[in-house]
All heavy atoms as atom14 arrays in JSON, in Angstrom:
{
  "sequence": "VVLRDVANNLKQAAATEKGFMQSKWKPSIIVKVDALTEEFSSP",
  "atom14_mask": [
    [1, 1, 1, 1, 1, 1, 1, 0, 0, 0, 0, 0, 0, 0],
    [1, 1, 1, 1, 1, 1, 1, 0, 0, 0, 0, 0, 0, 0],
    [1, 1, 1, 1, 1, 1, 1, 1, 0, 0, 0, 0, 0, 0],
    [1, 1, 1, 1, 1, 1, 1, 1, 1, 1, 1, 0, 0, 0],
    [1, 1, 1, 1, 1, 1, 1, 1, 0, 0, 0, 0, 0, 0],
    [1, 1, 1, 1, 1, 1, 1, 0, 0, 0, 0, 0, 0, 0],
    [1, 1, 1, 1, 1, 0, 0, 0, 0, 0, 0, 0, 0, 0],
    [1, 1, 1, 1, 1, 1, 1, 1, 0, 0, 0, 0, 0, 0],
    [1, 1, 1, 1, 1, 1, 1, 1, 0, 0, 0, 0, 0, 0],
    [1, 1, 1, 1, 1, 1, 1, 1, 0, 0, 0, 0, 0, 0],
    [1, 1, 1, 1, 1, 1, 1, 1, 1, 0, 0, 0, 0, 0],
    [1, 1, 1, 1, 1, 1, 1, 1, 1, 0, 0, 0, 0, 0],
    [1, 1, 1, 1, 1, 0, 0, 0, 0, 0, 0, 0, 0, 0],
    [1, 1, 1, 1, 1, 0, 0, 0, 0, 0, 0, 0, 0, 0],
    [1, 1, 1, 1, 1, 0, 0, 0, 0, 0, 0, 0, 0, 0],
    [1, 1, 1, 1, 1, 1, 1, 0, 0, 0, 0, 0, 0, 0],
    [1, 1, 1, 1, 1, 1, 1, 1, 1, 0, 0, 0, 0, 0],
    [1, 1, 1, 1, 1, 1, 1, 1, 1, 0, 0, 0, 0, 0],
    [1, 1, 1, 1, 0, 0, 0, 0, 0, 0, 0, 0, 0, 0],
    [1, 1, 1, 1, 1, 1, 1, 1, 1, 1, 1, 0, 0, 0],
    [1, 1, 1, 1, 1, 1, 1, 1, 0, 0, 0, 0, 0, 0],
    [1, 1, 1, 1, 1, 1, 1, 1, 1, 0, 0, 0, 0, 0],
    [1, 1, 1, 1, 1, 1, 0, 0, 0, 0, 0, 0, 0, 0],
    [1, 1, 1, 1, 1, 1, 1, 1, 1, 0, 0, 0, 0, 0],
    [1, 1, 1, 1, 1, 1, 1, 1, 1, 1, 1, 1, 1, 1],
    [1, 1, 1, 1, 1, 1, 1, 1, 1, 0, 0, 0, 0, 0],
    [1, 1, 1, 1, 1, 1, 1, 0, 0, 0, 0, 0, 0, 0],
    [1, 1, 1, 1, 1, 1, 0, 0, 0, 0, 0, 0, 0, 0],
    [1, 1, 1, 1, 1, 1, 1, 1, 0, 0, 0, 0, 0, 0],
    [1, 1, 1, 1, 1, 1, 1, 1, 0, 0, 0, 0, 0, 0],
    [1, 1, 1, 1, 1, 1, 1, 0, 0, 0, 0, 0, 0, 0],
    [1, 1, 1, 1, 1, 1, 1, 1, 1, 0, 0, 0, 0, 0],
    [1, 1, 1, 1, 1, 1, 1, 0, 0, 0, 0, 0, 0, 0],
    [1, 1, 1, 1, 1, 1, 1, 1, 0, 0, 0, 0, 0, 0],
    [1, 1, 1, 1, 1, 0, 0, 0, 0, 0, 0, 0, 0, 0],
    [1, 1, 1, 1, 1, 1, 1, 1, 0, 0, 0, 0, 0, 0],
    [1, 1, 1, 1, 1, 1, 1, 0, 0, 0, 0, 0, 0, 0],
    [1, 1, 1, 1, 1, 1, 1, 1, 1, 0, 0, 0, 0, 0],
    [1, 1, 1, 1, 1, 1, 1, 1, 1, 0, 0, 0, 0, 0],
    [1, 1, 1, 1, 1, 1, 1, 1, 1, 1, 1, 0, 0, 0],
    [1, 1, 1, 1, 1, 1, 0, 0, 0, 0, 0, 0, 0, 0],
    [1, 1, 1, 1, 1, 1, 0, 0, 0, 0, 0, 0, 0, 0],
    [1, 1, 1, 1, 1, 1, 1, 0, 0, 0, 0, 0, 0, 0]
  ],
  "atom14_positions": [
    [[122.16, 64.77, -39.93], [123.16, 65.75, -40.36], [123.03, 67.03, -39.55], [124.03, 67.63, -39.14], [123.01, 66.03, -41.87], [124.0, 67.11, -42.3], [123.24, 64.76, -42.67], [0.0, 0.0, 0.0], [0.0, 0.0, 0.0], [0.0, 0.0, 0.0], [0.0, 0.0, 0.0], [0.0, 0.0, 0.0], [0.0, 0.0, 0.0], [0.0, 0.0, 0.0]],
    [[121.8, 67.45, -39.29], [121.58, 68.68, -38.54], [121.98, 68.5, -37.08], [122.51, 69.41, -36.44], [120.1, 69.11, -38.64], [119.86, 70.42, -37.91], [119.69, 69.23, -40.11], [0.0, 0.0, 0.0], [0.0, 0.0, 0.0], [0.0, 0.0, 0.0], [0.0, 0.0, 0.0], [0.0, 0.0, 0.0], [0.0, 0.0, 0.0], [0.0, 0.0, 0.0]],
    [[121.74, 67.32, -36.54], [122.02, 67.08, -35.13], [123.48, 66.79, -34.84], [123.9, 66.9, -33.68], [121.18, 65.89, -34.63], [119.69, 66.13, -34.4], [119.0, 64.83, -34.06], [119.48, 67.14, -33.28], [0.0, 0.0, 0.0], [0.0, 0.0, 0.0], [0.0, 0.0, 0.0], [0.0, 0.0, 0.0], [0.0, 0.0, 0.0], [0.0, 0.0, 0.0]],
    [[124.26, 66.44, -35.85], [125.63, 65.99, -35.6], [126.47, 67.06, -34.9], [127.19, 66.78, -33.93], [126.29, 65.55, -36.9], [127.68, 64.92, -36.68], [128.28, 64.41, -37.98], [127.53, 63.28, -38.48], [126.85, 63.28, -39.6], [126.84, 64.36, -40.36], [126.2, 62.21, -40.0], [0.0, 0.0, 0.0], [0.0, 0.0, 0.0], [0.0, 0.0, 0.0]],
    [[126.42, 68.3, -35.39], [127.22, 69.37, -34.8], [126.79, 69.66, -33.36], [127.63, 69.87, -32.48], [127.12, 70.63, -35.65], [127.83, 70.48, -36.99], [128.72, 69.6, -37.1], [127.51, 71.24, -37.92], [0.0, 0.0, 0.0], [0.0, 0.0, 0.0], [0.0, 0.0, 0.0], [0.0, 0.0, 0.0], [0.0, 0.0, 0.0], [0.0, 0.0, 0.0]],
    [[125.48, 69.66, -33.13], [124.98, 69.91, -31.78], [125.39, 68.79, -30.84], [125.76, 69.01, -29.69], [123.45, 70.08, -31.78], [122.96, 70.47, -30.39], [123.03, 71.13, -32.8], [0.0, 0.0, 0.0], [0.0, 0.0, 0.0], [0.0, 0.0, 0.0], [0.0, 0.0, 0.0], [0.0, 0.0, 0.0], [0.0, 0.0, 0.0], [0.0, 0.0, 0.0]],
    [[125.32, 67.54, -31.33], [125.74, 66.4, -30.51], [127.21, 66.48, -30.16], [127.62, 66.17, -29.02], [125.44, 65.09, -31.25], [0.0, 0.0, 0.0], [0.0, 0.0, 0.0], [0.0, 0.0, 0.0], [0.0, 0.0, 0.0], [0.0, 0.0, 0.0], [0.0, 0.0, 0.0], [0.0, 0.0, 0.0], [0.0, 0.0, 0.0], [0.0, 0.0, 0.0]],
    [[128.04, 66.91, -31.09], [129.47, 67.08, -30.81], [129.7, 68.16, -29.76], [130.58, 68.03, -28.9], [130.22, 67.4, -32.09], [130.28, 66.21, -33.05], [130.2, 65.06, -32.63], [130.42, 66.49, -34.34], [0.0, 0.0, 0.0], [0.0, 0.0, 0.0], [0.0, 0.0, 0.0], [0.0, 0.0, 0.0], [0.0, 0.0, 0.0], [0.0, 0.0, 0.0]],
    [[128.94, 69.25, -29.83], [129.08, 70.32, -28.83], [128.72, 69.81, -27.43], [129.4, 70.11, -26.45], [128.19, 71.5, -29.21], [128.67, 72.2, -30.47], [129.82, 72.06, -30.89], [127.77, 72.96, -31.09], [0.0, 0.0, 0.0], [0.0, 0.0, 0.0], [0.0, 0.0, 0.0], [0.0, 0.0, 0.0], [0.0, 0.0, 0.0], [0.0, 0.0, 0.0]],
    [[127.61, 69.06, -27.34], [127.2, 68.53, -26.05], [128.22, 67.53, -25.51], [128.49, 67.49, -24.3], [125.82, 67.89, -26.17], [124.66, 68.85, -26.41], [123.39, 68.08, -26.75], [124.42, 69.71, -25.18], [0.0, 0.0, 0.0], [0.0, 0.0, 0.0], [0.0, 0.0, 0.0], [0.0, 0.0, 0.0], [0.0, 0.0, 0.0], [0.0, 0.0, 0.0]],
    [[128.78, 66.71, -26.39], [129.8, 65.76, -25.97], [131.04, 66.48, -25.46], [131.62, 66.11, -24.43], [130.16, 64.84, -27.13], [131.23, 63.81, -26.78], [131.62, 62.99, -28.0], [132.74, 62.02, -27.65], [133.18, 61.24, -28.84], [0.0, 0.0, 0.0], [0.0, 0.0, 0.0], [0.0, 0.0, 0.0], [0.0, 0.0, 0.0], [0.0, 0.0, 0.0]],
    [[131.46, 67.52, -26.17], [132.63, 68.28, -25.75], [132.37, 69.0, -24.43], [133.25, 69.08, -23.58], [133.01, 69.29, -26.84], [134.27, 70.1, -26.52], [135.49, 69.2, -26.36], [135.71, 68.31, -27.17], [136.28, 69.44, -25.32], [0.0, 0.0, 0.0], [0.0, 0.0, 0.0], [0.0, 0.0, 0.0], [0.0, 0.0, 0.0], [0.0, 0.0, 0.0]],
    [[131.16, 69.5, -24.25], [130.82, 70.16, -22.99], [130.89, 69.19, -21.82], [131.39, 69.52, -20.74], [129.43, 70.79, -23.08], [0.0, 0.0, 0.0], [0.0, 0.0, 0.0], [0.0, 0.0, 0.0], [0.0, 0.0, 0.0], [0.0, 0.0, 0.0], [0.0, 0.0, 0.0], [0.0, 0.0, 0.0], [0.0, 0.0, 0.0], [0.0, 0.0, 0.0]],
    [[130.37, 67.96, -22.03], [130.43, 66.95, -20.98], [131.87, 66.57, -20.66], [132.25, 66.41, -19.49], [129.63, 65.72, -21.39], [0.0, 0.0, 0.0], [0.0, 0.0, 0.0], [0.0, 0.0, 0.0], [0.0, 0.0, 0.0], [0.0, 0.0, 0.0], [0.0, 0.0, 0.0], [0.0, 0.0, 0.0], [0.0, 0.0, 0.0], [0.0, 0.0, 0.0]],
    [[132.7, 66.44, -21.7], [134.11, 66.11, -21.48], [134.84, 67.24, -20.77], [135.69, 67.01, -19.89], [134.78, 65.81, -22.83], [0.0, 0.0, 0.0], [0.0, 0.0, 0.0], [0.0, 0.0, 0.0], [0.0, 0.0, 0.0], [0.0, 0.0, 0.0], [0.0, 0.0, 0.0], [0.0, 0.0, 0.0], [0.0, 0.0, 0.0], [0.0, 0.0, 0.0]],
    [[134.51, 68.49, -21.12], [135.13, 69.63, -20.47], [134.76, 69.69, -18.99], [135.6, 69.92, -18.13], [134.7, 70.93, -21.17], [135.08, 70.88, -22.55], [135.35, 72.14, -20.51], [0.0, 0.0, 0.0], [0.0, 0.0, 0.0], [0.0, 0.0, 0.0], [0.0, 0.0, 0.0], [0.0, 0.0, 0.0], [0.0, 0.0, 0.0], [0.0, 0.0, 0.0]],
    [[133.49, 69.47, -18.7], [133.05, 69.49, -17.3], [133.71, 68.38, -16.49], [134.15, 68.6, -15.36], [131.53, 69.36, -17.24], [130.97, 69.42, -15.82], [129.46, 69.33, -15.8], [128.86, 69.22, -16.89], [128.88, 69.36, -14.71], [0.0, 0.0, 0.0], [0.0, 0.0, 0.0], [0.0, 0.0, 0.0], [0.0, 0.0, 0.0], [0.0, 0.0, 0.0]],
    [[133.76, 67.18, -17.07], [134.4, 66.07, -16.37], [135.88, 66.34, -16.12], [136.39, 66.13, -15.02], [134.23, 64.79, -17.17], [134.84, 63.56, -16.52], [134.62, 62.32, -17.37], [135.25, 61.09, -16.72], [135.05, 59.88, -17.56], [0.0, 0.0, 0.0], [0.0, 0.0, 0.0], [0.0, 0.0, 0.0], [0.0, 0.0, 0.0], [0.0, 0.0, 0.0]],
    [[136.58, 66.82, -17.15], [137.99, 67.14, -16.98], [138.22, 68.27, -16.01], [139.21, 68.29, -15.26], [0.0, 0.0, 0.0], [0.0, 0.0, 0.0], [0.0, 0.0, 0.0], [0.0, 0.0, 0.0], [0.0, 0.0, 0.0], [0.0, 0.0, 0.0], [0.0, 0.0, 0.0], [0.0, 0.0, 0.0], [0.0, 0.0, 0.0], [0.0, 0.0, 0.0]],
    [[137.3, 69.23, -16.01], [137.44, 70.36, -15.1], [137.29, 69.92, -13.65], [138.03, 70.35, -12.77], [136.39, 71.42, -15.44], [136.6, 72.73, -14.73], [137.38, 73.72, -15.29], [135.99, 72.97, -13.51], [137.57, 74.92, -14.64], [136.17, 74.16, -12.85], [136.96, 75.14, -13.42], [0.0, 0.0, 0.0], [0.0, 0.0, 0.0], [0.0, 0.0, 0.0]],
    [[136.33, 69.04, -13.39], [136.12, 68.58, -12.03], [137.23, 67.67, -11.54], [137.51, 67.6, -10.35], [134.77, 67.86, -11.94], [133.57, 68.72, -12.3], [133.4, 70.18, -11.27], [133.09, 69.43, -9.68], [0.0, 0.0, 0.0], [0.0, 0.0, 0.0], [0.0, 0.0, 0.0], [0.0, 0.0, 0.0], [0.0, 0.0, 0.0], [0.0, 0.0, 0.0]],
    [[137.88, 66.95, -12.47], [138.93, 66.03, -12.1], [140.33, 66.65, -12.17], [141.29, 66.04, -11.73], [138.89, 64.79, -12.99], [137.63, 63.96, -12.84], [137.61, 62.77, -13.76], [138.42, 62.67, -14.69], [136.69, 61.84, -13.54], [0.0, 0.0, 0.0], [0.0, 0.0, 0.0], [0.0, 0.0, 0.0], [0.0, 0.0, 0.0], [0.0, 0.0, 0.0]],
    [[140.43, 67.83, -12.74], [141.75, 68.41, -12.97], [142.4, 68.83, -11.67], [141.75, 69.27, -10.72], [141.63, 69.62, -13.9], [142.88, 70.21, -14.1], [0.0, 0.0, 0.0], [0.0, 0.0, 0.0], [0.0, 0.0, 0.0], [0.0, 0.0, 0.0], [0.0, 0.0, 0.0], [0.0, 0.0, 0.0], [0.0, 0.0, 0.0], [0.0, 0.0, 0.0]],
    [[143.72, 68.72, -11.61], [144.49, 69.08, -10.43], [145.36, 70.31, -10.66], [146.24, 70.61, -9.87], [145.36, 67.9, -10.01], [144.56, 66.67, -9.63], [145.43, 65.54, -9.17], [144.62, 64.33, -8.78], [145.37, 63.23, -8.35], [0.0, 0.0, 0.0], [0.0, 0.0, 0.0], [0.0, 0.0, 0.0], [0.0, 0.0, 0.0], [0.0, 0.0, 0.0]],
    [[145.1, 70.99, -11.79], [145.9, 72.17, -12.06], [145.18, 73.46, -11.68], [145.52, 74.54, -12.16], [146.31, 72.25, -13.52], [145.19, 72.06, -14.51], [144.84, 70.93, -15.15], [144.29, 73.08, -14.98], [143.76, 71.14, -15.96], [143.41, 72.45, -15.9], [144.12, 74.42, -14.71], [142.38, 73.14, -16.54], [143.11, 75.1, -15.36], [142.25, 74.47, -16.25]],
    [[144.19, 73.36, -10.8], [143.45, 74.54, -10.36], [143.64, 74.68, -8.85], [142.73, 74.42, -8.06], [141.97, 74.41, -10.7], [141.66, 74.19, -12.16], [140.19, 74.09, -12.43], [139.53, 72.96, -11.65], [140.04, 71.68, -12.02], [0.0, 0.0, 0.0], [0.0, 0.0, 0.0], [0.0, 0.0, 0.0], [0.0, 0.0, 0.0], [0.0, 0.0, 0.0]],
    [[144.79, 75.06, -8.38], [145.03, 75.16, -6.93], [144.35, 76.39, -6.35], [144.07, 77.36, -7.04], [146.55, 75.28, -6.84], [146.93, 75.97, -8.11], [145.96, 75.48, -9.16], [0.0, 0.0, 0.0], [0.0, 0.0, 0.0], [0.0, 0.0, 0.0], [0.0, 0.0, 0.0], [0.0, 0.0, 0.0], [0.0, 0.0, 0.0], [0.0, 0.0, 0.0]],
    [[144.09, 76.36, -5.06], [143.53, 77.51, -4.36], [144.61, 78.4, -3.79], [144.31, 79.5, -3.33], [142.58, 77.04, -3.25], [143.27, 76.21, -2.34], [0.0, 0.0, 0.0], [0.0, 0.0, 0.0], [0.0, 0.0, 0.0], [0.0, 0.0, 0.0], [0.0, 0.0, 0.0], [0.0, 0.0, 0.0], [0.0, 0.0, 0.0], [0.0, 0.0, 0.0]],
    [[145.86, 77.94, -3.75], [146.97, 78.73, -3.27], [148.15, 78.58, -4.23], [148.26, 77.59, -4.96], [147.4, 78.34, -1.85], [147.87, 76.88, -1.81], [146.29, 78.59, -0.85], [148.5, 76.49, -0.47], [0.0, 0.0, 0.0], [0.0, 0.0, 0.0], [0.0, 0.0, 0.0], [0.0, 0.0, 0.0], [0.0, 0.0, 0.0], [0.0, 0.0, 0.0]],
    [[149.0, 79.57, -4.22], [150.24, 79.56, -4.98], [151.4, 79.78, -4.02], [151.38, 80.73, -3.2], [150.25, 80.65, -6.07], [149.15, 80.37, -7.1], [151.6, 80.7, -6.77], [149.06, 81.43, -8.18], [0.0, 0.0, 0.0], [0.0, 0.0, 0.0], [0.0, 0.0, 0.0], [0.0, 0.0, 0.0], [0.0, 0.0, 0.0], [0.0, 0.0, 0.0]],
    [[152.39, 78.92, -4.05], [153.58, 79.03, -3.22], [154.72, 79.54, -4.09], [155.11, 78.89, -5.06], [153.94, 77.67, -2.59], [155.19, 77.82, -1.72], [152.78, 77.14, -1.76], [0.0, 0.0, 0.0], [0.0, 0.0, 0.0], [0.0, 0.0, 0.0], [0.0, 0.0, 0.0], [0.0, 0.0, 0.0], [0.0, 0.0, 0.0], [0.0, 0.0, 0.0]],
    [[155.23, 80.71, -3.76], [156.32, 81.32, -4.51], [157.64, 81.0, -3.81], [157.8, 81.27, -2.62], [156.13, 82.82, -4.62], [154.87, 83.25, -5.36], [154.76, 84.77, -5.42], [153.5, 85.19, -6.17], [153.38, 86.68, -6.24], [0.0, 0.0, 0.0], [0.0, 0.0, 0.0], [0.0, 0.0, 0.0], [0.0, 0.0, 0.0], [0.0, 0.0, 0.0]],
    [[158.56, 80.39, -4.55], [159.88, 80.05, -4.01], [160.94, 80.58, -4.95], [160.69, 80.91, -6.12], [160.03, 78.52, -3.84], [159.01, 77.98, -2.86], [159.9, 77.8, -5.19], [0.0, 0.0, 0.0], [0.0, 0.0, 0.0], [0.0, 0.0, 0.0], [0.0, 0.0, 0.0], [0.0, 0.0, 0.0], [0.0, 0.0, 0.0], [0.0, 0.0, 0.0]],
    [[162.13, 80.66, -4.43], [163.28, 81.09, -5.22], [163.87, 79.86, -5.91], [164.54, 79.05, -5.26], [164.3, 81.77, -4.33], [165.44, 82.39, -5.15], [165.4, 82.31, -6.4], [166.37, 82.94, -4.53], [0.0, 0.0, 0.0], [0.0, 0.0, 0.0], [0.0, 0.0, 0.0], [0.0, 0.0, 0.0], [0.0, 0.0, 0.0], [0.0, 0.0, 0.0]],
    [[163.58, 79.72, -7.19], [164.04, 78.55, -7.92], [165.54, 78.55, -8.16], [166.1, 77.53, -8.57], [163.31, 78.45, -9.26], [0.0, 0.0, 0.0], [0.0, 0.0, 0.0], [0.0, 0.0, 0.0], [0.0, 0.0, 0.0], [0.0, 0.0, 0.0], [0.0, 0.0, 0.0], [0.0, 0.0, 0.0], [0.0, 0.0, 0.0], [0.0, 0.0, 0.0]],
    [[166.19, 79.71, -7.89], [167.63, 79.76, -8.1], [168.4, 79.12, -6.96], [169.58, 78.81, -7.1], [168.08, 81.21, -8.29], [167.49, 81.94, -9.5], [167.97, 83.38, -9.56], [167.84, 81.19, -10.8], [0.0, 0.0, 0.0], [0.0, 0.0, 0.0], [0.0, 0.0, 0.0], [0.0, 0.0, 0.0], [0.0, 0.0, 0.0], [0.0, 0.0, 0.0]],
    [[167.75, 78.97, -5.81], [168.42, 78.32, -4.7], [168.53, 76.84, -4.94], [167.72, 76.23, -5.63], [167.64, 78.58, -3.4], [166.34, 78.03, -3.51], [167.54, 80.07, -3.11], [0.0, 0.0, 0.0], [0.0, 0.0, 0.0], [0.0, 0.0, 0.0], [0.0, 0.0, 0.0], [0.0, 0.0, 0.0], [0.0, 0.0, 0.0], [0.0, 0.0, 0.0]],
    [[169.53, 76.25, -4.39], [169.78, 74.83, -4.59], [168.66, 73.97, -4.01], [168.33, 72.91, -4.53], [171.12, 74.45, -3.97], [171.5, 72.97, -4.19], [172.84, 72.65, -3.57], [173.52, 73.58, -3.08], [173.22, 71.46, -3.6], [0.0, 0.0, 0.0], [0.0, 0.0, 0.0], [0.0, 0.0, 0.0], [0.0, 0.0, 0.0], [0.0, 0.0, 0.0]],
    [[168.05, 74.46, -2.94], [167.04, 73.67, -2.24], [165.78, 73.49, -3.08], [165.15, 72.43, -3.06], [166.69, 74.35, -0.92], [165.69, 73.54, -0.09], [165.41, 74.24, 1.24], [165.97, 75.32, 1.47], [164.63, 73.67, 2.04], [0.0, 0.0, 0.0], [0.0, 0.0, 0.0], [0.0, 0.0, 0.0], [0.0, 0.0, 0.0], [0.0, 0.0, 0.0]],
    [[165.38, 74.53, -3.87], [164.13, 74.5, -4.6], [164.32, 74.44, -6.12], [163.37, 74.63, -6.88], [163.29, 75.74, -4.27], [162.98, 75.88, -2.8], [163.18, 77.09, -2.15], [162.5, 74.81, -2.09], [162.91, 77.22, -0.8], [162.22, 74.93, -0.73], [162.43, 76.14, -0.09], [0.0, 0.0, 0.0], [0.0, 0.0, 0.0], [0.0, 0.0, 0.0]],
    [[165.52, 74.2, -6.59], [165.77, 74.17, -8.02], [165.33, 72.87, -8.67], [165.15, 72.82, -9.89], [167.26, 74.41, -8.29], [168.04, 73.38, -7.69], [0.0, 0.0, 0.0], [0.0, 0.0, 0.0], [0.0, 0.0, 0.0], [0.0, 0.0, 0.0], [0.0, 0.0, 0.0], [0.0, 0.0, 0.0], [0.0, 0.0, 0.0], [0.0, 0.0, 0.0]],
    [[165.14, 71.82, -7.91], [164.76, 70.52, -8.46], [163.33, 70.17, -8.05], [162.83, 70.66, -7.02], [165.71, 69.43, -7.96], [165.62, 69.3, -6.56], [0.0, 0.0, 0.0], [0.0, 0.0, 0.0], [0.0, 0.0, 0.0], [0.0, 0.0, 0.0], [0.0, 0.0, 0.0], [0.0, 0.0, 0.0], [0.0, 0.0, 0.0], [0.0, 0.0, 0.0]],
    [[162.65, 69.3, -8.82], [161.31, 68.86, -8.42], [161.3, 68.15, -7.08], [160.32, 68.26, -6.33], [160.91, 67.92, -9.55], [161.73, 68.33, -10.73], [163.02, 68.8, -10.15], [0.0, 0.0, 0.0], [0.0, 0.0, 0.0], [0.0, 0.0, 0.0], [0.0, 0.0, 0.0], [0.0, 0.0, 0.0], [0.0, 0.0, 0.0], [0.0, 0.0, 0.0]]
  ]
}
């Protein structure tokens, strides 16, 4: 019972680290475009 909360914290930390290393939403550059133009308005 005492260890359960600590075990959950360690599991969440491991999941956070794994997701952080695999995540693709942390770019090193940002490209700013005019989304109102027809050329860049679509994906």
